[in-house]
Amino acid sequence: MNLKDPGIQICLVLTHIHKEEIDMAEKKTNVITIDGVDYNKDELSQDQTYWINQINNLQTKSANIRFELDQILVAQNAFTNSLIQSLKTENKKEAVNG
């Protein structure tokens, strides 16, 4: 392998840049911002970490419940519209036969 080959040098540089991006991303995921203040998760107490985990879990549950509520509301509207349409059709038939 010839390291003077420009293609190999570019690959080595990109690998180095990619590693730095990964390192920076890992550092960012280790930081939590509360009220504009950054906290390193590794420096938080066991209780603080527990509370953060609880909050994250509750946020996920809340988002899932909103998602399910959207589905329920759409389904409810569809059934309501079906009922209304059915009643209108029935009323038209009765008016014609009546």
N, C-alpha and C. Protein backbone atom coordinates (compact mmCIF):
# COMPACT_ATOMS: atom_id res chain seq x y z
N MET A 1 0.85 -1.16 0.00
CA MET A 1 0.00 0.00 0.00
C MET A 1 0.90 1.23 0.00
N ASN A 2 0.58 2.18 -0.84
CA ASN A 2 1.37 3.40 -0.97
C ASN A 2 0.61 4.54 -0.28
N LEU A 3 1.10 4.99 0.86
CA LEU A 3 0.42 6.07 1.60
C LEU A 3 0.52 7.41 0.90
N LYS A 4 1.36 7.49 -0.11
CA LYS A 4 1.46 8.75 -0.87
C LYS A 4 0.35 8.84 -1.90
N ASP A 5 -0.40 7.78 -2.07
CA ASP A 5 -1.53 7.78 -3.00
C ASP A 5 -2.58 8.76 -2.46
N PRO A 6 -3.00 9.77 -3.26
CA PRO A 6 -3.94 10.78 -2.78
C PRO A 6 -5.27 10.18 -2.29
N GLY A 7 -5.71 9.11 -2.93
CA GLY A 7 -6.97 8.48 -2.52
C GLY A 7 -6.87 7.92 -1.11
N ILE A 8 -5.75 7.34 -0.77
CA ILE A 8 -5.56 6.80 0.57
C ILE A 8 -5.47 7.92 1.59
N GLN A 9 -4.81 8.99 1.25
CA GLN A 9 -4.68 10.12 2.17
C GLN A 9 -6.04 10.74 2.45
N ILE A 10 -6.85 10.88 1.42
CA ILE A 10 -8.19 11.44 1.61
C ILE A 10 -9.00 10.54 2.53
N CYS A 11 -8.90 9.24 2.31
CA CYS A 11 -9.62 8.29 3.15
C CYS A 11 -9.16 8.40 4.60
N LEU A 12 -7.87 8.50 4.82
CA LEU A 12 -7.34 8.62 6.18
C LEU A 12 -7.82 9.90 6.84
N VAL A 13 -7.85 11.00 6.11
CA VAL A 13 -8.31 12.28 6.65
C VAL A 13 -9.79 12.19 6.98
N LEU A 14 -10.59 11.62 6.09
CA LEU A 14 -12.02 11.50 6.34
C LEU A 14 -12.30 10.61 7.55
N THR A 15 -11.52 9.55 7.71
CA THR A 15 -11.68 8.68 8.87
C THR A 15 -11.38 9.46 10.15
N HIS A 16 -10.36 10.27 10.12
CA HIS A 16 -9.99 11.08 11.28
C HIS A 16 -11.09 12.10 11.58
N ILE A 17 -11.60 12.76 10.55
CA ILE A 17 -12.68 13.75 10.75
C ILE A 17 -13.92 13.05 11.30
N HIS A 18 -14.24 11.89 10.75
CA HIS A 18 -15.42 11.16 11.21
C HIS A 18 -15.27 10.78 12.69
N LYS A 19 -14.09 10.36 13.10
CA LYS A 19 -13.86 10.00 14.50
C LYS A 19 -14.04 11.22 15.40
N GLU A 20 -13.58 12.38 14.96
CA GLU A 20 -13.75 13.59 15.75
C GLU A 20 -15.24 13.95 15.87
N GLU A 21 -16.00 13.78 14.78
CA GLU A 21 -17.43 14.06 14.84
C GLU A 21 -18.13 13.12 15.81
N ILE A 22 -17.73 11.86 15.81
CA ILE A 22 -18.31 10.90 16.74
C ILE A 22 -17.98 11.27 18.17
N ASP A 23 -16.72 11.65 18.42
CA ASP A 23 -16.31 12.06 19.76
C ASP A 23 -17.11 13.27 20.23
N MET A 24 -17.31 14.25 19.33
CA MET A 24 -18.07 15.44 19.68
C MET A 24 -19.53 15.08 19.97
N ALA A 25 -20.09 14.19 19.17
CA ALA A 25 -21.47 13.77 19.38
C ALA A 25 -21.62 13.06 20.71
N GLU A 26 -20.64 12.22 21.06
CA GLU A 26 -20.70 11.52 22.34
C GLU A 26 -20.61 12.51 23.50
N LYS A 27 -19.79 13.52 23.35
CA LYS A 27 -19.68 14.54 24.41
C LYS A 27 -21.00 15.28 24.57
N LYS A 28 -21.66 15.59 23.44
CA LYS A 28 -22.93 16.31 23.50
C LYS A 28 -24.02 15.47 24.15
N THR A 29 -24.02 14.15 23.91
CA THR A 29 -25.05 13.31 24.50
C THR A 29 -24.82 13.12 25.99
N ASN A 30 -23.66 13.43 26.47
CA ASN A 30 -23.35 13.32 27.89
C ASN A 30 -23.71 14.59 28.65
N VAL A 31 -24.24 15.57 27.94
CA VAL A 31 -24.56 16.86 28.55
C VAL A 31 -26.07 17.06 28.50
N ILE A 32 -26.61 17.52 29.62
CA ILE A 32 -28.03 17.84 29.68
C ILE A 32 -28.14 19.31 30.05
N THR A 33 -29.04 20.02 29.39
CA THR A 33 -29.22 21.45 29.65
C THR A 33 -30.54 21.65 30.38
N ILE A 34 -30.45 22.28 31.55
CA ILE A 34 -31.63 22.58 32.36
C ILE A 34 -31.58 24.06 32.71
N ASP A 35 -32.62 24.77 32.35
CA ASP A 35 -32.70 26.21 32.60
C ASP A 35 -31.47 26.95 32.06
N GLY A 36 -31.00 26.52 30.88
CA GLY A 36 -29.87 27.19 30.23
C GLY A 36 -28.51 26.83 30.78
N VAL A 37 -28.46 25.91 31.73
CA VAL A 37 -27.19 25.50 32.32
C VAL A 37 -26.89 24.07 31.87
N ASP A 38 -25.65 23.84 31.37
CA ASP A 38 -25.23 22.51 30.94
C ASP A 38 -24.70 21.71 32.12
N TYR A 39 -25.13 20.46 32.20
CA TYR A 39 -24.66 19.56 33.25
C TYR A 39 -24.13 18.29 32.59
N ASN A 40 -22.98 17.83 33.04
CA ASN A 40 -22.42 16.58 32.56
C ASN A 40 -23.15 15.45 33.28
N LYS A 41 -23.76 14.54 32.52
CA LYS A 41 -24.54 13.46 33.13
C LYS A 41 -23.69 12.59 34.05
N ASP A 42 -22.41 12.46 33.72
CA ASP A 42 -21.52 11.62 34.54
C ASP A 42 -21.28 12.23 35.92
N GLU A 43 -21.54 13.51 36.07
CA GLU A 43 -21.29 14.19 37.35
C GLU A 43 -22.54 14.35 38.20
N LEU A 44 -23.67 13.86 37.71
CA LEU A 44 -24.92 13.98 38.46
C LEU A 44 -25.01 12.87 39.50
N SER A 45 -25.78 13.14 40.54
CA SER A 45 -25.97 12.13 41.59
C SER A 45 -26.87 11.01 41.06
N GLN A 46 -26.93 9.94 41.82
CA GLN A 46 -27.78 8.81 41.44
C GLN A 46 -29.25 9.24 41.41
N ASP A 47 -29.66 10.05 42.37
CA ASP A 47 -31.04 10.55 42.40
C ASP A 47 -31.32 11.42 41.18
N GLN A 48 -30.41 12.32 40.85
CA GLN A 48 -30.61 13.21 39.70
C GLN A 48 -30.71 12.42 38.40
N THR A 49 -29.88 11.40 38.27
CA THR A 49 -29.94 10.54 37.09
C THR A 49 -31.27 9.79 37.05
N TYR A 50 -31.73 9.32 38.19
CA TYR A 50 -33.02 8.63 38.27
C TYR A 50 -34.15 9.55 37.83
N TRP A 51 -34.14 10.79 38.32
CA TRP A 51 -35.20 11.73 37.98
C TRP A 51 -35.18 12.06 36.49
N ILE A 52 -33.99 12.21 35.94
CA ILE A 52 -33.87 12.47 34.50
C ILE A 52 -34.46 11.30 33.71
N ASN A 53 -34.14 10.08 34.13
CA ASN A 53 -34.69 8.90 33.46
C ASN A 53 -36.21 8.85 33.58
N GLN A 54 -36.72 9.21 34.75
CA GLN A 54 -38.17 9.26 34.93
C GLN A 54 -38.80 10.30 33.99
N ILE A 55 -38.21 11.48 33.93
CA ILE A 55 -38.73 12.54 33.07
C ILE A 55 -38.71 12.10 31.61
N ASN A 56 -37.60 11.51 31.17
CA ASN A 56 -37.50 11.03 29.79
C ASN A 56 -38.57 10.00 29.49
N ASN A 57 -38.78 9.07 30.42
CA ASN A 57 -39.78 8.03 30.24
C ASN A 57 -41.19 8.64 30.17
N LEU A 58 -41.46 9.59 31.03
CA LEU A 58 -42.77 10.24 31.03
C LEU A 58 -43.00 11.05 29.77
N GLN A 59 -41.95 11.69 29.26
CA GLN A 59 -42.08 12.43 27.99
C GLN A 59 -42.41 11.47 26.85
N THR A 60 -41.78 10.31 26.85
CA THR A 60 -42.05 9.30 25.83
C THR A 60 -43.48 8.80 25.94
N LYS A 61 -43.91 8.51 27.16
CA LYS A 61 -45.29 8.05 27.37
C LYS A 61 -46.29 9.11 26.94
N SER A 62 -46.01 10.36 27.28
CA SER A 62 -46.89 11.46 26.91
C SER A 62 -47.01 11.58 25.39
N ALA A 63 -45.89 11.47 24.70
CA ALA A 63 -45.92 11.54 23.23
C ALA A 63 -46.71 10.37 22.66
N ASN A 64 -46.54 9.19 23.22
CA ASN A 64 -47.28 8.02 22.74
C ASN A 64 -48.77 8.17 22.99
N ILE A 65 -49.13 8.72 24.13
CA ILE A 65 -50.55 8.93 24.43
C ILE A 65 -51.15 9.95 23.47
N ARG A 66 -50.42 11.03 23.18
CA ARG A 66 -50.91 12.02 22.21
C ARG A 66 -51.09 11.37 20.84
N PHE A 67 -50.15 10.51 20.46
CA PHE A 67 -50.22 9.79 19.19
C PHE A 67 -51.47 8.92 19.15
N GLU A 68 -51.70 8.16 20.23
CA GLU A 68 -52.88 7.31 20.30
C GLU A 68 -54.16 8.13 20.33
N LEU A 69 -54.15 9.26 21.03
CA LEU A 69 -55.32 10.12 21.07
C LEU A 69 -55.66 10.64 19.68
N ASP A 70 -54.65 11.01 18.91
CA ASP A 70 -54.89 11.44 17.53
C ASP A 70 -55.59 10.33 16.74
N GLN A 71 -55.12 9.09 16.92
CA GLN A 71 -55.74 7.96 16.22
C GLN A 71 -57.19 7.78 16.67
N ILE A 72 -57.42 7.89 17.96
CA ILE A 72 -58.77 7.72 18.50
C ILE A 72 -59.70 8.81 17.97
N LEU A 73 -59.23 10.05 17.95
CA LEU A 73 -60.07 11.14 17.47
C LEU A 73 -60.41 10.98 15.99
N VAL A 74 -59.44 10.55 15.20
CA VAL A 74 -59.70 10.34 13.77
C VAL A 74 -60.71 9.21 13.59
N ALA A 75 -60.53 8.11 14.32
CA ALA A 75 -61.46 6.99 14.23
C ALA A 75 -62.85 7.41 14.70
N GLN A 76 -62.92 8.16 15.78
CA GLN A 76 -64.21 8.63 16.30
C GLN A 76 -64.91 9.50 15.26
N ASN A 77 -64.16 10.39 14.63
CA ASN A 77 -64.74 11.23 13.58
C ASN A 77 -65.22 10.40 12.39
N ALA A 78 -64.46 9.37 12.03
CA ALA A 78 -64.86 8.51 10.91
C ALA A 78 -66.17 7.78 11.24
N PHE A 79 -66.28 7.23 12.45
CA PHE A 79 -67.51 6.54 12.84
C PHE A 79 -68.69 7.52 12.93
N THR A 80 -68.44 8.70 13.46
CA THR A 80 -69.50 9.71 13.55
C THR A 80 -69.98 10.10 12.15
N ASN A 81 -69.04 10.33 11.24
CA ASN A 81 -69.42 10.67 9.87
C ASN A 81 -70.17 9.54 9.19
N SER A 82 -69.76 8.29 9.46
CA SER A 82 -70.47 7.14 8.90
C SER A 82 -71.90 7.09 9.42
N LEU A 83 -72.08 7.32 10.71
CA LEU A 83 -73.42 7.32 11.29
C LEU A 83 -74.27 8.42 10.67
N ILE A 84 -73.72 9.61 10.59
CA ILE A 84 -74.47 10.75 10.02
C ILE A 84 -74.87 10.45 8.59
N GLN A 85 -73.92 9.92 7.81
CA GLN A 85 -74.20 9.59 6.40
C GLN A 85 -75.29 8.52 6.31
N SER A 86 -75.22 7.53 7.20
CA SER A 86 -76.21 6.46 7.22
C SER A 86 -77.60 7.02 7.53
N LEU A 87 -77.68 7.91 8.51
CA LEU A 87 -78.97 8.50 8.88
C LEU A 87 -79.52 9.37 7.76
N LYS A 88 -78.66 10.10 7.08
CA LYS A 88 -79.11 10.93 5.95
C LYS A 88 -79.66 10.06 4.83
N THR A 89 -78.98 8.97 4.56
CA THR A 89 -79.43 8.04 3.50
C THR A 89 -80.76 7.43 3.89
N GLU A 90 -80.89 7.04 5.16
CA GLU A 90 -82.14 6.44 5.64
C GLU A 90 -83.28 7.44 5.57
N ASN A 91 -83.00 8.69 5.94
CA ASN A 91 -84.03 9.74 5.89
C ASN A 91 -84.48 10.00 4.47
N LYS A 92 -83.56 9.95 3.52
CA LYS A 92 -83.91 10.16 2.12
C LYS A 92 -84.82 9.04 1.62
N LYS A 93 -84.50 7.79 2.02
CA LYS A 93 -85.31 6.64 1.61
C LYS A 93 -86.71 6.76 2.18
N GLU A 94 -86.83 7.16 3.45
CA GLU A 94 -88.12 7.31 4.09
C GLU A 94 -88.93 8.43 3.42
N ALA A 95 -88.25 9.50 3.04
CA ALA A 95 -88.96 10.62 2.39
C ALA A 95 -89.51 10.20 1.04
N VAL A 96 -88.73 9.40 0.32
CA VAL A 96 -89.17 8.94 -0.99
C VAL A 96 -90.30 7.91 -0.83
N ASN A 97 -90.19 7.00 0.13
CA ASN A 97 -91.19 5.95 0.33
C ASN A 97 -92.37 6.45 1.17
N GLY A 98 -92.15 7.53 1.90
CA GLY A 98 -93.13 7.99 2.87
C GLY A 98 -94.31 8.63 2.33
